[in-house]
């Protein structure tokens, strides 16, 4: 489903956009990685300046899912770097969206995976293991829930309550 164009989906599902079954995230994310478009069922994670749980999830089998990390919008440190992106790629994750920062941008841009983040910061995160998995998160103007579907391409990111097709 990587070729599903978000603009076409929005045009074809106007009623779902109106009723909230299909949500268009605010355009706050920058694109990283070699995959300009990616999609899959969502796994949610809420952390703040601590990436222990990010690593723990990316160490599991991805099954073409998308990890959506609510980092509270903090730009003070990175929640994802080159090593974790390599781990995500090796374990079959379709992509990662971070409401926060990443680091090792050149390394990430060399990987065949899709990553979206607010920006970059060279400082690594804390390592306390504090956060919540599989919980509703609020980022980019919308609630996102575990198990919903995310579609990302050059036009933006959309989230649907269910898998989409044109």
N, C-alpha and C. Protein backbone atom coordinates (compact mmCIF):
# COMPACT_ATOMS: atom_id res chain seq x y z
N UNK A 1 0.82 -1.19 0.00
CA UNK A 1 0.00 0.00 0.00
C UNK A 1 0.87 1.26 0.00
N UNK A 2 2.19 1.12 -0.17
CA UNK A 2 3.07 2.28 -0.16
C UNK A 2 2.73 3.29 -1.25
N UNK A 3 2.05 2.86 -2.32
CA UNK A 3 1.78 3.76 -3.43
C UNK A 3 0.47 4.53 -3.27
N UNK A 4 -0.26 4.31 -2.20
CA UNK A 4 -1.52 5.01 -1.97
C UNK A 4 -1.24 6.49 -1.72
N UNK A 5 -1.70 7.36 -2.62
CA UNK A 5 -1.44 8.79 -2.52
C UNK A 5 -2.40 9.45 -1.54
N UNK A 6 -1.85 10.17 -0.56
CA UNK A 6 -2.70 10.78 0.47
C UNK A 6 -3.68 11.79 -0.12
N UNK A 7 -3.27 12.55 -1.13
CA UNK A 7 -4.18 13.52 -1.75
C UNK A 7 -5.37 12.81 -2.40
N UNK A 8 -5.10 11.71 -3.10
CA UNK A 8 -6.19 10.95 -3.72
C UNK A 8 -7.12 10.36 -2.68
N UNK A 9 -6.53 9.87 -1.58
CA UNK A 9 -7.34 9.30 -0.50
C UNK A 9 -8.27 10.36 0.09
N UNK A 10 -7.73 11.55 0.32
CA UNK A 10 -8.55 12.63 0.86
C UNK A 10 -9.67 13.00 -0.10
N UNK A 11 -9.36 13.08 -1.40
CA UNK A 11 -10.38 13.41 -2.40
C UNK A 11 -11.47 12.35 -2.47
N UNK A 12 -11.08 11.09 -2.36
CA UNK A 12 -12.04 9.98 -2.49
C UNK A 12 -12.83 9.71 -1.21
N UNK A 13 -12.39 10.29 -0.10
CA UNK A 13 -13.02 10.00 1.19
C UNK A 13 -13.40 11.27 1.95
N UNK A 14 -13.96 12.22 1.23
CA UNK A 14 -14.30 13.52 1.84
C UNK A 14 -15.23 13.36 3.04
N UNK A 15 -16.20 12.46 2.96
CA UNK A 15 -17.13 12.26 4.08
C UNK A 15 -16.40 11.74 5.31
N UNK A 16 -15.41 10.89 5.11
CA UNK A 16 -14.65 10.35 6.24
C UNK A 16 -13.77 11.42 6.88
N UNK A 17 -13.31 12.38 6.07
CA UNK A 17 -12.55 13.50 6.63
C UNK A 17 -13.46 14.35 7.50
N UNK A 18 -14.68 14.59 7.02
CA UNK A 18 -15.64 15.42 7.76
C UNK A 18 -16.04 14.76 9.07
N UNK A 19 -16.29 13.43 9.05
CA UNK A 19 -16.76 12.76 10.27
C UNK A 19 -15.63 12.32 11.20
N UNK A 20 -14.37 12.51 10.79
CA UNK A 20 -13.24 12.20 11.65
C UNK A 20 -12.68 10.79 11.54
N UNK A 21 -13.27 9.97 10.67
CA UNK A 21 -12.71 8.63 10.48
C UNK A 21 -11.37 8.68 9.76
N UNK A 22 -11.14 9.76 9.02
CA UNK A 22 -9.89 9.99 8.32
C UNK A 22 -9.38 11.37 8.75
N UNK A 23 -8.17 11.40 9.32
CA UNK A 23 -7.62 12.65 9.83
C UNK A 23 -6.33 13.00 9.12
N UNK A 24 -6.18 14.28 8.78
CA UNK A 24 -4.98 14.79 8.13
C UNK A 24 -4.16 15.50 9.20
N UNK A 25 -2.97 14.96 9.50
CA UNK A 25 -2.14 15.56 10.53
C UNK A 25 -1.60 16.91 10.04
N UNK A 26 -1.44 17.83 10.97
CA UNK A 26 -0.86 19.14 10.64
C UNK A 26 0.52 18.93 10.04
N UNK A 27 0.89 19.78 9.13
CA UNK A 27 2.15 19.66 8.38
C UNK A 27 3.33 20.17 9.20
N UNK A 28 3.70 19.42 10.23
CA UNK A 28 4.79 19.84 11.11
C UNK A 28 6.01 18.94 10.99
N UNK A 29 5.89 17.85 10.24
CA UNK A 29 6.95 16.85 10.19
C UNK A 29 7.84 17.01 8.96
N UNK A 30 9.12 16.72 9.16
CA UNK A 30 10.09 16.67 8.07
C UNK A 30 10.32 15.21 7.70
N UNK A 31 10.58 14.97 6.43
CA UNK A 31 10.79 13.61 5.93
C UNK A 31 12.26 13.23 5.97
N UNK A 32 12.52 12.01 6.41
CA UNK A 32 13.86 11.43 6.45
C UNK A 32 13.78 10.00 5.94
N UNK A 33 14.92 9.44 5.61
CA UNK A 33 14.96 8.07 5.10
C UNK A 33 14.69 8.04 3.60
N UNK A 34 14.94 6.88 3.00
CA UNK A 34 14.82 6.75 1.56
C UNK A 34 13.39 6.48 1.09
N UNK A 35 12.52 6.07 1.98
CA UNK A 35 11.14 5.78 1.57
C UNK A 35 10.30 7.04 1.73
N UNK A 36 9.96 7.64 0.62
CA UNK A 36 9.15 8.85 0.64
C UNK A 36 7.71 8.59 1.04
N UNK A 37 7.26 7.36 0.82
CA UNK A 37 5.91 7.00 1.23
C UNK A 37 5.96 5.67 1.97
N UNK A 38 5.10 5.56 2.97
CA UNK A 38 4.99 4.32 3.74
C UNK A 38 3.63 4.29 4.41
N UNK A 39 3.22 3.11 4.80
CA UNK A 39 1.92 2.97 5.46
C UNK A 39 1.90 1.68 6.27
N UNK A 40 0.95 1.62 7.18
CA UNK A 40 0.76 0.41 7.96
C UNK A 40 -0.06 0.66 9.20
N UNK A 41 -0.40 -0.41 9.91
CA UNK A 41 -1.11 -0.26 11.17
C UNK A 41 -0.21 0.41 12.20
N UNK A 42 -0.81 1.20 13.05
CA UNK A 42 -0.08 2.04 14.01
C UNK A 42 0.15 1.32 15.33
N UNK A 43 1.35 1.50 15.87
CA UNK A 43 1.66 1.17 17.26
C UNK A 43 2.03 2.51 17.91
N UNK A 44 1.34 2.84 19.01
CA UNK A 44 1.59 4.13 19.67
C UNK A 44 2.50 3.98 20.88
N UNK A 45 3.23 5.06 21.13
CA UNK A 45 4.13 5.13 22.27
C UNK A 45 4.20 6.58 22.73
N UNK A 46 4.11 6.77 24.05
CA UNK A 46 4.21 8.11 24.61
C UNK A 46 5.39 8.13 25.58
N UNK A 47 6.38 9.00 25.27
CA UNK A 47 7.58 9.14 26.09
C UNK A 47 7.95 10.62 26.14
N UNK A 48 8.87 10.96 27.03
CA UNK A 48 9.36 12.32 27.05
C UNK A 48 10.86 12.31 27.32
N UNK A 49 11.61 12.67 26.28
CA UNK A 49 13.07 12.77 26.36
C UNK A 49 13.72 11.49 26.89
N UNK A 50 13.15 10.35 26.53
CA UNK A 50 13.60 9.03 26.99
C UNK A 50 13.26 8.04 25.88
N UNK A 51 14.26 7.36 25.33
CA UNK A 51 13.97 6.46 24.22
C UNK A 51 14.12 4.97 24.53
N UNK A 52 14.16 4.59 25.78
CA UNK A 52 14.29 3.18 26.15
C UNK A 52 13.14 2.36 25.57
N UNK A 53 11.92 2.86 25.69
CA UNK A 53 10.76 2.12 25.16
C UNK A 53 10.72 2.14 23.63
N UNK A 54 11.28 3.17 23.02
CA UNK A 54 11.38 3.20 21.56
C UNK A 54 12.24 2.03 21.10
N UNK A 55 13.40 1.87 21.73
CA UNK A 55 14.28 0.74 21.40
C UNK A 55 13.57 -0.60 21.65
N UNK A 56 12.92 -0.71 22.79
CA UNK A 56 12.26 -1.97 23.13
C UNK A 56 11.23 -2.36 22.07
N UNK A 57 10.46 -1.41 21.59
CA UNK A 57 9.47 -1.73 20.56
C UNK A 57 10.13 -2.06 19.22
N UNK A 58 11.15 -1.31 18.84
CA UNK A 58 11.80 -1.55 17.56
C UNK A 58 12.60 -2.84 17.55
N UNK A 59 12.87 -3.41 18.72
CA UNK A 59 13.52 -4.71 18.81
C UNK A 59 12.55 -5.85 18.53
N UNK A 60 11.25 -5.55 18.51
CA UNK A 60 10.24 -6.58 18.23
C UNK A 60 9.95 -6.63 16.73
N UNK A 61 9.30 -7.69 16.32
CA UNK A 61 8.96 -7.86 14.91
C UNK A 61 7.97 -6.77 14.49
N UNK A 62 8.31 -6.04 13.43
CA UNK A 62 7.49 -4.91 13.00
C UNK A 62 6.25 -5.27 12.22
N UNK A 63 6.32 -6.34 11.44
CA UNK A 63 5.17 -6.77 10.63
C UNK A 63 4.60 -5.64 9.79
N UNK A 64 5.48 -4.79 9.23
CA UNK A 64 5.08 -3.67 8.36
C UNK A 64 4.21 -2.64 9.08
N UNK A 65 4.33 -2.58 10.42
CA UNK A 65 3.60 -1.57 11.18
C UNK A 65 4.39 -0.27 11.21
N UNK A 66 3.71 0.79 11.68
CA UNK A 66 4.33 2.11 11.81
C UNK A 66 4.33 2.48 13.29
N UNK A 67 5.50 2.79 13.82
CA UNK A 67 5.61 3.25 15.20
C UNK A 67 5.39 4.76 15.22
N UNK A 68 4.40 5.20 16.00
CA UNK A 68 4.14 6.63 16.16
C UNK A 68 4.49 6.99 17.60
N UNK A 69 5.50 7.84 17.76
CA UNK A 69 6.03 8.19 19.07
C UNK A 69 5.63 9.62 19.41
N UNK A 70 4.88 9.77 20.49
CA UNK A 70 4.59 11.11 21.00
C UNK A 70 5.68 11.45 22.01
N UNK A 71 6.62 12.27 21.56
CA UNK A 71 7.71 12.73 22.42
C UNK A 71 7.41 14.07 23.05
N UNK A 72 6.13 14.44 23.08
CA UNK A 72 5.74 15.70 23.70
C UNK A 72 6.18 16.93 22.92
N UNK A 73 6.65 16.71 21.69
CA UNK A 73 7.11 17.83 20.87
C UNK A 73 8.44 18.40 21.31
N UNK A 74 9.13 17.71 22.22
CA UNK A 74 10.42 18.22 22.71
C UNK A 74 11.46 18.21 21.60
N UNK A 75 12.21 19.29 21.54
CA UNK A 75 13.32 19.42 20.59
C UNK A 75 14.65 19.46 21.32
N UNK A 76 14.65 19.09 22.62
CA UNK A 76 15.87 19.19 23.43
C UNK A 76 16.81 18.00 23.30
N UNK A 77 16.33 16.89 22.73
CA UNK A 77 17.17 15.72 22.50
C UNK A 77 16.51 14.85 21.44
N UNK A 78 17.25 13.86 20.97
CA UNK A 78 16.74 12.95 19.94
C UNK A 78 16.18 11.68 20.56
N UNK A 79 15.07 11.23 20.02
CA UNK A 79 14.45 9.97 20.47
C UNK A 79 14.77 8.81 19.55
N UNK A 80 15.33 9.11 18.39
CA UNK A 80 15.61 8.09 17.38
C UNK A 80 16.90 8.46 16.67
N UNK A 81 17.76 7.47 16.47
CA UNK A 81 19.01 7.69 15.76
C UNK A 81 19.26 6.58 14.77
N UNK A 82 20.42 6.62 14.17
CA UNK A 82 20.77 5.66 13.14
C UNK A 82 20.70 4.21 13.58
N UNK A 83 21.18 3.91 14.78
CA UNK A 83 21.15 2.52 15.26
C UNK A 83 19.72 2.01 15.41
N UNK A 84 18.83 2.84 15.93
CA UNK A 84 17.44 2.41 16.11
C UNK A 84 16.73 2.28 14.76
N UNK A 85 17.06 3.14 13.82
CA UNK A 85 16.46 3.02 12.49
C UNK A 85 16.94 1.74 11.81
N UNK A 86 18.21 1.40 11.97
CA UNK A 86 18.71 0.12 11.44
C UNK A 86 17.96 -1.06 12.07
N UNK A 87 17.71 -0.95 13.36
CA UNK A 87 16.96 -1.98 14.08
C UNK A 87 15.54 -2.09 13.52
N UNK A 88 14.89 -0.95 13.31
CA UNK A 88 13.53 -0.93 12.75
C UNK A 88 13.51 -1.59 11.38
N UNK A 89 14.48 -1.24 10.56
CA UNK A 89 14.57 -1.80 9.21
C UNK A 89 14.79 -3.30 9.26
N UNK A 90 15.69 -3.75 10.11
CA UNK A 90 15.98 -5.19 10.24
C UNK A 90 14.79 -5.99 10.73
N UNK A 91 13.95 -5.37 11.56
CA UNK A 91 12.82 -6.07 12.15
C UNK A 91 11.50 -5.87 11.39
N UNK A 92 11.56 -5.22 10.22
CA UNK A 92 10.39 -5.16 9.36
C UNK A 92 9.37 -4.09 9.68
N UNK A 93 9.78 -3.00 10.31
CA UNK A 93 8.87 -1.87 10.54
C UNK A 93 8.76 -1.09 9.24
N UNK A 94 7.56 -0.60 8.91
CA UNK A 94 7.34 0.17 7.68
C UNK A 94 7.85 1.59 7.83
N UNK A 95 7.78 2.14 9.04
CA UNK A 95 8.22 3.51 9.25
C UNK A 95 8.07 3.92 10.69
N UNK A 96 8.58 5.12 10.98
CA UNK A 96 8.51 5.69 12.33
C UNK A 96 8.16 7.17 12.20
N UNK A 97 7.19 7.61 12.99
CA UNK A 97 6.84 9.02 13.07
C UNK A 97 7.12 9.47 14.50
N UNK A 98 7.91 10.55 14.65
CA UNK A 98 8.32 11.01 15.97
C UNK A 98 7.88 12.45 16.18
N UNK A 99 7.04 12.66 17.18
CA UNK A 99 6.68 14.01 17.60
C UNK A 99 7.79 14.48 18.54
N UNK A 100 8.93 14.71 17.94
CA UNK A 100 10.16 15.06 18.64
C UNK A 100 11.29 15.04 17.61
N UNK A 101 12.50 14.88 18.08
CA UNK A 101 13.67 14.95 17.19
C UNK A 101 14.34 13.60 16.98
N UNK A 102 15.14 13.57 15.91
CA UNK A 102 15.99 12.44 15.59
C UNK A 102 17.43 12.94 15.51
N UNK A 103 18.37 12.01 15.38
CA UNK A 103 19.76 12.37 15.12
C UNK A 103 20.35 11.37 14.15
N UNK A 104 21.59 11.56 13.76
CA UNK A 104 22.24 10.71 12.75
C UNK A 104 21.48 10.81 11.42
N UNK A 105 21.14 12.03 11.04
CA UNK A 105 20.31 12.27 9.86
C UNK A 105 20.92 11.66 8.60
N UNK A 106 22.21 11.83 8.37
CA UNK A 106 22.82 11.27 7.16
C UNK A 106 22.70 9.76 7.12
N UNK A 107 22.90 9.12 8.25
CA UNK A 107 22.75 7.66 8.32
C UNK A 107 21.31 7.25 8.06
N UNK A 108 20.36 7.94 8.67
CA UNK A 108 18.94 7.62 8.48
C UNK A 108 18.55 7.83 7.02
N UNK A 109 19.04 8.90 6.41
CA UNK A 109 18.71 9.17 5.02
C UNK A 109 19.27 8.11 4.07
N UNK A 110 20.21 7.31 4.53
CA UNK A 110 20.75 6.22 3.73
C UNK A 110 20.00 4.92 3.90
N UNK A 111 18.97 4.91 4.75
CA UNK A 111 18.22 3.68 5.04
C UNK A 111 16.92 3.62 4.24
N UNK A 112 16.56 2.42 3.81
CA UNK A 112 15.34 2.19 3.02
C UNK A 112 14.12 2.07 3.94
N UNK A 113 13.82 3.14 4.64
CA UNK A 113 12.68 3.18 5.55
C UNK A 113 12.17 4.62 5.56
N UNK A 114 10.92 4.80 5.95
CA UNK A 114 10.35 6.13 6.07
C UNK A 114 10.38 6.61 7.51
N UNK A 115 10.84 7.83 7.71
CA UNK A 115 10.88 8.44 9.04
C UNK A 115 10.35 9.86 8.91
N UNK A 116 9.51 10.27 9.85
CA UNK A 116 9.05 11.65 9.95
C UNK A 116 9.35 12.13 11.36
N UNK A 117 9.82 13.36 11.48
CA UNK A 117 10.14 13.93 12.80
C UNK A 117 10.04 15.44 12.70
N UNK A 118 10.03 16.10 13.86
CA UNK A 118 9.96 17.55 13.90
C UNK A 118 11.26 18.19 13.43
N UNK A 119 12.37 17.51 13.64
CA UNK A 119 13.68 18.03 13.28
C UNK A 119 14.76 17.14 13.84
N UNK A 120 15.97 17.68 13.92
CA UNK A 120 17.09 16.89 14.43
C UNK A 120 17.77 17.62 15.58
N UNK A 121 18.43 16.82 16.42
CA UNK A 121 19.20 17.32 17.55
C UNK A 121 20.28 16.27 17.84
N UNK A 122 21.54 16.65 17.96
CA UNK A 122 22.60 15.67 18.17
C UNK A 122 22.63 15.05 19.57
N UNK A 123 21.92 15.61 20.52
CA UNK A 123 21.96 15.13 21.90
C UNK A 123 21.10 13.89 22.07
N UNK A 124 21.68 12.84 22.71
CA UNK A 124 20.91 11.62 22.95
C UNK A 124 19.93 11.83 24.11
N UNK A 125 18.95 10.96 24.19
CA UNK A 125 17.90 11.08 25.20
C UNK A 125 18.33 10.46 26.53
N UNK A 126 17.46 10.64 27.51
CA UNK A 126 17.62 9.97 28.80
C UNK A 126 17.36 8.48 28.63
N UNK A 127 17.71 7.70 29.64
CA UNK A 127 17.54 6.24 29.59
C UNK A 127 16.90 5.76 30.90
N UNK A 128 15.67 6.19 31.15
CA UNK A 128 14.97 5.79 32.37
C UNK A 128 13.91 4.72 32.15
N UNK A 129 13.46 4.56 30.92
CA UNK A 129 12.43 3.55 30.62
C UNK A 129 11.03 3.97 31.01
N UNK A 130 10.77 5.27 31.03
CA UNK A 130 9.48 5.79 31.45
C UNK A 130 8.64 6.10 30.21
N UNK A 131 7.38 5.69 30.23
CA UNK A 131 6.48 5.99 29.13
C UNK A 131 5.30 5.04 29.11
N UNK A 132 4.44 5.21 28.09
CA UNK A 132 3.25 4.37 27.93
C UNK A 132 3.20 3.81 26.53
N UNK A 133 2.86 2.54 26.43
CA UNK A 133 2.71 1.87 25.14
C UNK A 133 1.23 1.69 24.83
N UNK A 134 0.93 1.64 23.53
CA UNK A 134 -0.40 1.30 23.04
C UNK A 134 -1.50 2.18 23.63
N UNK A 135 -1.21 3.45 23.85
CA UNK A 135 -2.17 4.38 24.44
C UNK A 135 -2.57 5.42 23.39
N UNK A 136 -3.75 6.03 23.55
CA UNK A 136 -4.10 7.13 22.65
C UNK A 136 -3.10 8.28 22.84
N UNK A 137 -2.68 8.88 21.72
CA UNK A 137 -1.77 10.02 21.78
C UNK A 137 -2.35 11.16 20.95
N UNK A 138 -2.02 12.37 21.33
CA UNK A 138 -2.50 13.55 20.61
C UNK A 138 -1.30 14.26 20.02
N UNK A 139 -1.18 14.20 18.69
CA UNK A 139 -0.09 14.91 18.01
C UNK A 139 -0.61 15.53 16.72
N UNK A 140 0.02 16.59 16.32
CA UNK A 140 -0.28 17.26 15.05
C UNK A 140 -1.77 17.53 14.87
N UNK A 141 -2.43 17.88 15.97
CA UNK A 141 -3.82 18.30 15.90
C UNK A 141 -4.87 17.21 15.98
N UNK A 142 -4.44 15.95 16.20
CA UNK A 142 -5.42 14.85 16.20
C UNK A 142 -5.05 13.75 17.18
N UNK A 143 -6.08 13.04 17.64
CA UNK A 143 -5.88 11.84 18.44
C UNK A 143 -5.52 10.70 17.50
N UNK A 144 -4.56 9.89 17.92
CA UNK A 144 -4.14 8.71 17.18
C UNK A 144 -4.18 7.54 18.14
N UNK A 145 -4.76 6.43 17.66
CA UNK A 145 -4.92 5.26 18.51
C UNK A 145 -4.21 4.05 17.93
N UNK A 146 -3.73 3.23 18.82
CA UNK A 146 -3.10 1.98 18.46
C UNK A 146 -4.04 1.18 17.55
N UNK A 147 -3.51 0.62 16.47
CA UNK A 147 -4.30 -0.21 15.58
C UNK A 147 -4.93 0.55 14.41
N UNK A 148 -4.95 1.89 14.46
CA UNK A 148 -5.41 2.64 13.31
C UNK A 148 -4.35 2.54 12.22
N UNK A 149 -4.62 3.11 11.05
CA UNK A 149 -3.71 3.02 9.91
C UNK A 149 -3.14 4.38 9.58
N UNK A 150 -1.83 4.42 9.31
CA UNK A 150 -1.15 5.64 8.92
C UNK A 150 -0.65 5.50 7.49
N UNK A 151 -0.83 6.60 6.73
CA UNK A 151 -0.34 6.69 5.37
C UNK A 151 0.47 7.98 5.26
N UNK A 152 1.71 7.88 4.81
CA UNK A 152 2.57 9.05 4.68
C UNK A 152 3.15 9.10 3.27
N UNK A 153 3.19 10.30 2.70
CA UNK A 153 3.88 10.51 1.43
C UNK A 153 4.36 11.96 1.40
N UNK A 154 4.76 12.42 0.24
CA UNK A 154 5.31 13.78 0.12
C UNK A 154 4.29 14.86 0.42
N UNK A 155 3.00 14.55 0.30
CA UNK A 155 1.96 15.53 0.58
C UNK A 155 1.62 15.65 2.06
N UNK A 156 1.88 14.61 2.84
CA UNK A 156 1.58 14.68 4.26
C UNK A 156 1.30 13.33 4.86
N UNK A 157 0.68 13.37 6.03
CA UNK A 157 0.36 12.15 6.78
C UNK A 157 -1.12 12.14 7.08
N UNK A 158 -1.76 11.00 6.82
CA UNK A 158 -3.17 10.81 7.18
C UNK A 158 -3.29 9.59 8.05
N UNK A 159 -4.31 9.61 8.91
CA UNK A 159 -4.58 8.49 9.80
C UNK A 159 -6.04 8.09 9.61
N UNK A 160 -6.26 6.80 9.47
CA UNK A 160 -7.59 6.26 9.26
C UNK A 160 -7.93 5.25 10.33
N UNK A 161 -9.21 5.15 10.66
CA UNK A 161 -9.64 4.16 11.64
C UNK A 161 -9.47 2.73 11.12
N UNK A 162 -9.42 2.59 9.79
CA UNK A 162 -9.26 1.26 9.20
C UNK A 162 -8.38 1.34 7.95
N UNK A 163 -7.99 0.19 7.46
CA UNK A 163 -7.17 0.14 6.24
C UNK A 163 -7.95 0.71 5.07
N UNK A 164 -7.28 1.46 4.20
CA UNK A 164 -7.93 2.14 3.09
C UNK A 164 -7.55 1.53 1.76
N UNK A 165 -8.41 1.73 0.78
CA UNK A 165 -8.10 1.41 -0.61
C UNK A 165 -8.87 2.41 -1.47
N UNK A 166 -8.42 2.60 -2.67
CA UNK A 166 -9.12 3.53 -3.58
C UNK A 166 -10.14 2.82 -4.40
